[in-house]
Amino acid sequence: ALVSGPIPLPTEKNIYTILRSPHVNKDSREQFEMRTHKRLIDILDPNPRAIDALMHLDLPSGVDIEIKL
């Protein structure tokens, strides 16, 4: 199987702004951000062994994999 990649895709950045105080002081705010990094690995002419190896990868928590055939 021919492999091209990993190709870095644009990083998705979500910023959330919340008030620090539950009542007053609207000037006092706190910002949190969550960044999602994506990579594309293109497998040309995949064989069943390569697909099976990808399906059984042990990934750390917080890391997801999506396989499109």
PDB file of N, CA and C in Angstrom:
ATOM      1  N   ALA A   1       0.852  -1.185   0.000  1.00  0.00           N
ATOM      2  CA  ALA A   1       0.000   0.000   0.000  1.00  0.00           C
ATOM      3  C   ALA A   1       0.889   1.237   0.000  1.00  0.00           C
ATOM      4  N   LEU A   2       0.610   2.155  -0.911  1.00  0.00           N
ATOM      5  CA  LEU A   2       1.349   3.415  -0.966  1.00  0.00           C
ATOM      6  C   LEU A   2       0.742   4.390   0.030  1.00  0.00           C
ATOM      7  N   VAL A   3       1.610   5.068   0.786  1.00  0.00           N
ATOM      8  CA  VAL A   3       1.154   5.992   1.826  1.00  0.00           C
ATOM      9  C   VAL A   3       1.702   7.377   1.527  1.00  0.00           C
ATOM     10  N   SER A   4       0.840   8.381   1.568  1.00  0.00           N
ATOM     11  CA  SER A   4       1.291   9.769   1.481  1.00  0.00           C
ATOM     12  C   SER A   4       0.794  10.497   2.721  1.00  0.00           C
ATOM     13  N   GLY A   5       1.684  11.184   3.376  1.00  0.00           N
ATOM     14  CA  GLY A   5       1.293  11.923   4.578  1.00  0.00           C
ATOM     15  C   GLY A   5       2.234  11.614   5.721  1.00  0.00           C
ATOM     16  N   PRO A   6       1.992  12.109   6.880  1.00  0.00           N
ATOM     17  CA  PRO A   6       0.831  12.872   7.312  1.00  0.00           C
ATOM     18  C   PRO A   6       0.841  14.306   6.761  1.00  0.00           C
ATOM     19  N   ILE A   7      -0.302  14.745   6.277  1.00  0.00           N
ATOM     20  CA  ILE A   7      -0.469  16.095   5.748  1.00  0.00           C
ATOM     21  C   ILE A   7      -1.173  16.912   6.823  1.00  0.00           C
ATOM     22  N   PRO A   8      -0.542  17.985   7.317  1.00  0.00           N
ATOM     23  CA  PRO A   8      -1.204  18.788   8.353  1.00  0.00           C
ATOM     24  C   PRO A   8      -2.356  19.596   7.770  1.00  0.00           C
ATOM     25  N   LEU A   9      -3.514  19.493   8.401  1.00  0.00           N
ATOM     26  CA  LEU A   9      -4.681  20.279   8.028  1.00  0.00           C
ATOM     27  C   LEU A   9      -4.768  21.483   8.963  1.00  0.00           C
ATOM     28  N   PRO A  10      -5.541  22.515   8.615  1.00  0.00           N
ATOM     29  CA  PRO A  10      -5.617  23.703   9.481  1.00  0.00           C
ATOM     30  C   PRO A  10      -6.101  23.359  10.891  1.00  0.00           C
ATOM     31  N   THR A  11      -5.504  24.029  11.877  1.00  0.00           N
ATOM     32  CA  THR A  11      -5.866  23.826  13.272  1.00  0.00           C
ATOM     33  C   THR A  11      -7.157  24.574  13.569  1.00  0.00           C
ATOM     34  N   GLU A  12      -8.113  23.875  14.153  1.00  0.00           N
ATOM     35  CA  GLU A  12      -9.385  24.488  14.523  1.00  0.00           C
ATOM     36  C   GLU A  12      -9.255  25.018  15.944  1.00  0.00           C
ATOM     37  N   LYS A  13      -9.549  26.312  16.138  1.00  0.00           N
ATOM     38  CA  LYS A  13      -9.377  26.943  17.443  1.00  0.00           C
ATOM     39  C   LYS A  13     -10.720  27.483  17.923  1.00  0.00           C
ATOM     40  N   ASN A  14     -11.210  26.966  19.036  1.00  0.00           N
ATOM     41  CA  ASN A  14     -12.455  27.442  19.647  1.00  0.00           C
ATOM     42  C   ASN A  14     -12.097  28.218  20.901  1.00  0.00           C
ATOM     43  N   ILE A  15     -12.567  29.477  20.988  1.00  0.00           N
ATOM     44  CA  ILE A  15     -12.297  30.327  22.150  1.00  0.00           C
ATOM     45  C   ILE A  15     -13.619  30.577  22.869  1.00  0.00           C
ATOM     46  N   TYR A  16     -13.618  30.339  24.179  1.00  0.00           N
ATOM     47  CA  TYR A  16     -14.794  30.554  25.008  1.00  0.00           C
ATOM     48  C   TYR A  16     -14.462  31.626  26.031  1.00  0.00           C
ATOM     49  N   THR A  17     -15.301  32.665  26.116  1.00  0.00           N
ATOM     50  CA  THR A  17     -15.122  33.741  27.082  1.00  0.00           C
ATOM     51  C   THR A  17     -16.249  33.654  28.099  1.00  0.00           C
ATOM     52  N   ILE A  18     -15.879  33.619  29.374  1.00  0.00           N
ATOM     53  CA  ILE A  18     -16.886  33.545  30.441  1.00  0.00           C
ATOM     54  C   ILE A  18     -16.605  34.639  31.463  1.00  0.00           C
ATOM     55  N   LEU A  19     -17.637  34.991  32.222  1.00  0.00           N
ATOM     56  CA  LEU A  19     -17.470  35.960  33.302  1.00  0.00           C
ATOM     57  C   LEU A  19     -16.831  35.256  34.495  1.00  0.00           C
ATOM     58  N   ARG A  20     -15.884  35.929  35.137  1.00  0.00           N
ATOM     59  CA  ARG A  20     -15.237  35.333  36.315  1.00  0.00           C
ATOM     60  C   ARG A  20     -16.187  35.326  37.511  1.00  0.00           C
ATOM     61  N   SER A  21     -17.009  36.367  37.613  1.00  0.00           N
ATOM     62  CA  SER A  21     -17.916  36.503  38.748  1.00  0.00           C
ATOM     63  C   SER A  21     -19.328  36.086  38.332  1.00  0.00           C
ATOM     64  N   PRO A  22     -20.068  35.437  39.215  1.00  0.00           N
ATOM     65  CA  PRO A  22     -21.426  35.034  38.845  1.00  0.00           C
ATOM     66  C   PRO A  22     -22.440  36.183  38.878  1.00  0.00           C
ATOM     67  N   HIS A  23     -22.057  37.352  39.459  1.00  0.00           N
ATOM     68  CA  HIS A  23     -23.046  38.420  39.652  1.00  0.00           C
ATOM     69  C   HIS A  23     -22.683  39.683  38.876  1.00  0.00           C
ATOM     70  N   VAL A  24     -21.714  40.451  39.360  1.00  0.00           N
ATOM     71  CA  VAL A  24     -21.349  41.731  38.732  1.00  0.00           C
ATOM     72  C   VAL A  24     -19.948  41.629  38.142  1.00  0.00           C
ATOM     73  N   ASN A  25     -19.309  42.747  37.865  1.00  0.00           N
ATOM     74  CA  ASN A  25     -17.943  42.828  37.321  1.00  0.00           C
ATOM     75  C   ASN A  25     -17.868  42.219  35.921  1.00  0.00           C
ATOM     76  N   LYS A  26     -18.575  42.851  34.992  1.00  0.00           N
ATOM     77  CA  LYS A  26     -18.565  42.361  33.615  1.00  0.00           C
ATOM     78  C   LYS A  26     -17.201  42.569  32.962  1.00  0.00           C
ATOM     79  N   ASP A  27     -16.383  43.484  33.497  1.00  0.00           N
ATOM     80  CA  ASP A  27     -15.051  43.719  32.931  1.00  0.00           C
ATOM     81  C   ASP A  27     -14.093  42.569  33.239  1.00  0.00           C
ATOM     82  N   SER A  28     -14.402  41.796  34.259  1.00  0.00           N
ATOM     83  CA  SER A  28     -13.528  40.689  34.648  1.00  0.00           C
ATOM     84  C   SER A  28     -13.992  39.413  33.951  1.00  0.00           C
ATOM     85  N   ARG A  29     -13.250  39.022  32.923  1.00  0.00           N
ATOM     86  CA  ARG A  29     -13.610  37.831  32.154  1.00  0.00           C
ATOM     87  C   ARG A  29     -12.420  36.901  32.043  1.00  0.00           C
ATOM     88  N   GLU A  30     -12.711  35.664  31.722  1.00  0.00           N
ATOM     89  CA  GLU A  30     -11.659  34.667  31.546  1.00  0.00           C
ATOM     90  C   GLU A  30     -11.887  33.963  30.216  1.00  0.00           C
ATOM     91  N   GLN A  31     -10.788  33.692  29.507  1.00  0.00           N
ATOM     92  CA  GLN A  31     -10.892  33.046  28.204  1.00  0.00           C
ATOM     93  C   GLN A  31     -10.242  31.671  28.243  1.00  0.00           C
ATOM     94  N   PHE A  32     -10.921  30.726  27.621  1.00  0.00           N
ATOM     95  CA  PHE A  32     -10.390  29.379  27.458  1.00  0.00           C
ATOM     96  C   PHE A  32     -10.378  29.071  25.972  1.00  0.00           C
ATOM     97  N   GLU A  33      -9.412  28.277  25.553  1.00  0.00           N
ATOM     98  CA  GLU A  33      -9.384  27.887  24.150  1.00  0.00           C
ATOM     99  C   GLU A  33      -9.130  26.397  24.032  1.00  0.00           C
ATOM    100  N   MET A  34      -9.707  25.833  22.989  1.00  0.00           N
ATOM    101  CA  MET A  34      -9.523  24.419  22.704  1.00  0.00           C
ATOM    102  C   MET A  34      -9.045  24.320  21.261  1.00  0.00           C
ATOM    103  N   ARG A  35      -7.904  23.696  21.070  1.00  0.00           N
ATOM    104  CA  ARG A  35      -7.338  23.552  19.734  1.00  0.00           C
ATOM    105  C   ARG A  35      -7.463  22.105  19.279  1.00  0.00           C
ATOM    106  N   THR A  36      -7.887  21.931  18.031  1.00  0.00           N
ATOM    107  CA  THR A  36      -8.019  20.608  17.435  1.00  0.00           C
ATOM    108  C   THR A  36      -7.054  20.526  16.265  1.00  0.00           C
ATOM    109  N   HIS A  37      -6.064  19.654  16.390  1.00  0.00           N
ATOM    110  CA  HIS A  37      -5.071  19.455  15.335  1.00  0.00           C
ATOM    111  C   HIS A  37      -5.479  18.231  14.526  1.00  0.00           C
ATOM    112  N   LYS A  38      -5.443  18.374  13.200  1.00  0.00           N
ATOM    113  CA  LYS A  38      -5.840  17.266  12.331  1.00  0.00           C
ATOM    114  C   LYS A  38      -4.724  16.952  11.350  1.00  0.00           C
ATOM    115  N   ARG A  39      -4.610  15.666  11.020  1.00  0.00           N
ATOM    116  CA  ARG A  39      -3.642  15.199  10.022  1.00  0.00           C
ATOM    117  C   ARG A  39      -4.367  14.288   9.049  1.00  0.00           C
ATOM    118  N   LEU A  40      -3.904  14.270   7.816  1.00  0.00           N
ATOM    119  CA  LEU A  40      -4.482  13.422   6.785  1.00  0.00           C
ATOM    120  C   LEU A  40      -3.414  12.461   6.307  1.00  0.00           C
ATOM    121  N   ILE A  41      -3.726  11.182   6.356  1.00  0.00           N
ATOM    122  CA  ILE A  41      -2.835  10.149   5.824  1.00  0.00           C
ATOM    123  C   ILE A  41      -3.606   9.449   4.719  1.00  0.00           C
ATOM    124  N   ASP A  42      -3.112   9.559   3.507  1.00  0.00           N
ATOM    125  CA  ASP A  42      -3.781   8.983   2.343  1.00  0.00           C
ATOM    126  C   ASP A  42      -3.099   7.667   1.992  1.00  0.00           C
ATOM    127  N   ILE A  43      -3.865   6.582   2.013  1.00  0.00           N
ATOM    128  CA  ILE A  43      -3.340   5.257   1.679  1.00  0.00           C
ATOM    129  C   ILE A  43      -3.924   4.861   0.332  1.00  0.00           C
ATOM    130  N   LEU A  44      -3.065   4.803  -0.673  1.00  0.00           N
ATOM    131  CA  LEU A  44      -3.495   4.425  -2.014  1.00  0.00           C
ATOM    132  C   LEU A  44      -3.386   2.914  -2.162  1.00  0.00           C
ATOM    133  N   ASP A  45      -4.396   2.316  -2.738  1.00  0.00           N
ATOM    134  CA  ASP A  45      -4.464   0.869  -2.944  1.00  0.00           C
ATOM    135  C   ASP A  45      -4.273   0.109  -1.623  1.00  0.00           C
ATOM    136  N   PRO A  46      -5.187   0.321  -0.645  1.00  0.00           N
ATOM    137  CA  PRO A  46      -5.027  -0.356   0.649  1.00  0.00           C
ATOM    138  C   PRO A  46      -5.322  -1.849   0.544  1.00  0.00           C
ATOM    139  N   ASN A  47      -4.552  -2.612   1.291  1.00  0.00           N
ATOM    140  CA  ASN A  47      -4.809  -4.051   1.361  1.00  0.00           C
ATOM    141  C   ASN A  47      -5.488  -4.354   2.704  1.00  0.00           C
ATOM    142  N   PRO A  48      -6.099  -5.506   2.856  1.00  0.00           N
ATOM    143  CA  PRO A  48      -6.808  -5.819   4.111  1.00  0.00           C
ATOM    144  C   PRO A  48      -5.903  -5.806   5.342  1.00  0.00           C
ATOM    145  N   ARG A  49      -4.639  -6.146   5.166  1.00  0.00           N
ATOM    146  CA  ARG A  49      -3.717  -6.154   6.308  1.00  0.00           C
ATOM    147  C   ARG A  49      -3.463  -4.739   6.826  1.00  0.00           C
ATOM    148  N   ALA A  50      -3.329  -3.764   5.909  1.00  0.00           N
ATOM    149  CA  ALA A  50      -3.109  -2.374   6.315  1.00  0.00           C
ATOM    150  C   ALA A  50      -4.346  -1.808   7.014  1.00  0.00           C
ATOM    151  N   ILE A  51      -5.523  -2.125   6.511  1.00  0.00           N
ATOM    152  CA  ILE A  51      -6.759  -1.647   7.133  1.00  0.00           C
ATOM    153  C   ILE A  51      -6.936  -2.271   8.513  1.00  0.00           C
ATOM    154  N   ASP A  52      -6.621  -3.550   8.652  1.00  0.00           N
ATOM    155  CA  ASP A  52      -6.732  -4.223   9.945  1.00  0.00           C
ATOM    156  C   ASP A  52      -5.748  -3.632  10.955  1.00  0.00           C
ATOM    157  N   ALA A  53      -4.549  -3.275  10.500  1.00  0.00           N
ATOM    158  CA  ALA A  53      -3.562  -2.663  11.396  1.00  0.00           C
ATOM    159  C   ALA A  53      -4.043  -1.297  11.883  1.00  0.00           C
ATOM    160  N   LEU A  54      -4.692  -0.528  11.023  1.00  0.00           N
ATOM    161  CA  LEU A  54      -5.217   0.778  11.434  1.00  0.00           C
ATOM    162  C   LEU A  54      -6.387   0.637  12.399  1.00  0.00           C
ATOM    163  N   MET A  55      -7.216  -0.373  12.199  1.00  0.00           N
ATOM    164  CA  MET A  55      -8.381  -0.563  13.064  1.00  0.00           C
ATOM    165  C   MET A  55      -7.982  -0.953  14.488  1.00  0.00           C
ATOM    166  N   HIS A  56      -6.853  -1.629  14.649  1.00  0.00           N
ATOM    167  CA  HIS A  56      -6.448  -2.129  15.963  1.00  0.00           C
ATOM    168  C   HIS A  56      -5.312  -1.321  16.588  1.00  0.00           C
ATOM    169  N   LEU A  57      -5.162  -0.051  16.205  1.00  0.00           N
ATOM    170  CA  LEU A  57      -4.143   0.804  16.813  1.00  0.00           C
ATOM    171  C   LEU A  57      -4.552   1.173  18.236  1.00  0.00           C
ATOM    172  N   ASP A  58      -3.595   1.138  19.161  1.00  0.00           N
ATOM    173  CA  ASP A  58      -3.837   1.606  20.522  1.00  0.00           C
ATOM    174  C   ASP A  58      -3.508   3.092  20.570  1.00  0.00           C
ATOM    175  N   LEU A  59      -4.530   3.924  20.775  1.00  0.00           N
ATOM    176  CA  LEU A  59      -4.362   5.374  20.785  1.00  0.00           C
ATOM    177  C   LEU A  59      -4.519   5.900  22.201  1.00  0.00           C
ATOM    178  N   PRO A  60      -3.767   6.948  22.556  1.00  0.00           N
ATOM    179  CA  PRO A  60      -3.941   7.543  23.883  1.00  0.00           C
ATOM    180  C   PRO A  60      -5.302   8.237  23.998  1.00  0.00           C
ATOM    181  N   SER A  61      -5.702   8.537  25.221  1.00  0.00           N
ATOM    182  CA  SER A  61      -6.987   9.204  25.419  1.00  0.00           C
ATOM    183  C   SER A  61      -6.926  10.605  24.813  1.00  0.00           C
ATOM    184  N   GLY A  62      -8.012  11.022  24.214  1.00  0.00           N
ATOM    185  CA  GLY A  62      -8.068  12.327  23.567  1.00  0.00           C
ATOM    186  C   GLY A  62      -7.663  12.305  22.108  1.00  0.00           C
ATOM    187  N   VAL A  63      -7.221  11.157  21.611  1.00  0.00           N
ATOM    188  CA  VAL A  63      -6.827  11.028  20.208  1.00  0.00           C
ATOM    189  C   VAL A  63      -7.842  10.126  19.515  1.00  0.00           C
ATOM    190  N   ASP A  64      -8.425  10.644  18.445  1.00  0.00           N
ATOM    191  CA  ASP A  64      -9.418   9.880  17.691  1.00  0.00           C
ATOM    192  C   ASP A  64      -8.908   9.638  16.285  1.00  0.00           C
ATOM    193  N   ILE A  65      -9.405   8.580  15.665  1.00  0.00           N
ATOM    194  CA  ILE A  65      -9.042   8.265  14.290  1.00  0.00           C
ATOM    195  C   ILE A  65     -10.334   7.997  13.526  1.00  0.00           C
ATOM    196  N   GLU A  66     -10.396   8.512  12.307  1.00  0.00           N
ATOM    197  CA  GLU A  66     -11.559   8.308  11.450  1.00  0.00           C
ATOM    198  C   GLU A  66     -11.068   7.701  10.151  1.00  0.00           C
ATOM    199  N   ILE A  67     -11.652   6.572   9.774  1.00  0.00           N
ATOM    200  CA  ILE A  67     -11.226   5.858   8.570  1.00  0.00           C
ATOM    201  C   ILE A  67     -12.359   5.895   7.559  1.00  0.00           C
ATOM    202  N   LYS A  68     -12.063   6.405   6.368  1.00  0.00           N
ATOM    203  CA  LYS A  68     -13.037   6.428   5.272  1.00  0.00           C
ATOM    204  C   LYS A  68     -12.510   5.541   4.165  1.00  0.00           C
ATOM    205  N   LEU A  69     -13.340   4.640   3.695  1.00  0.00           N
ATOM    206  CA  LEU A  69     -12.944   3.733   2.620  1.00  0.00           C
ATOM    207  C   LEU A  69     -13.480   4.210   1.295  1.00  0.00           C
TER     208      LEU A  69
END
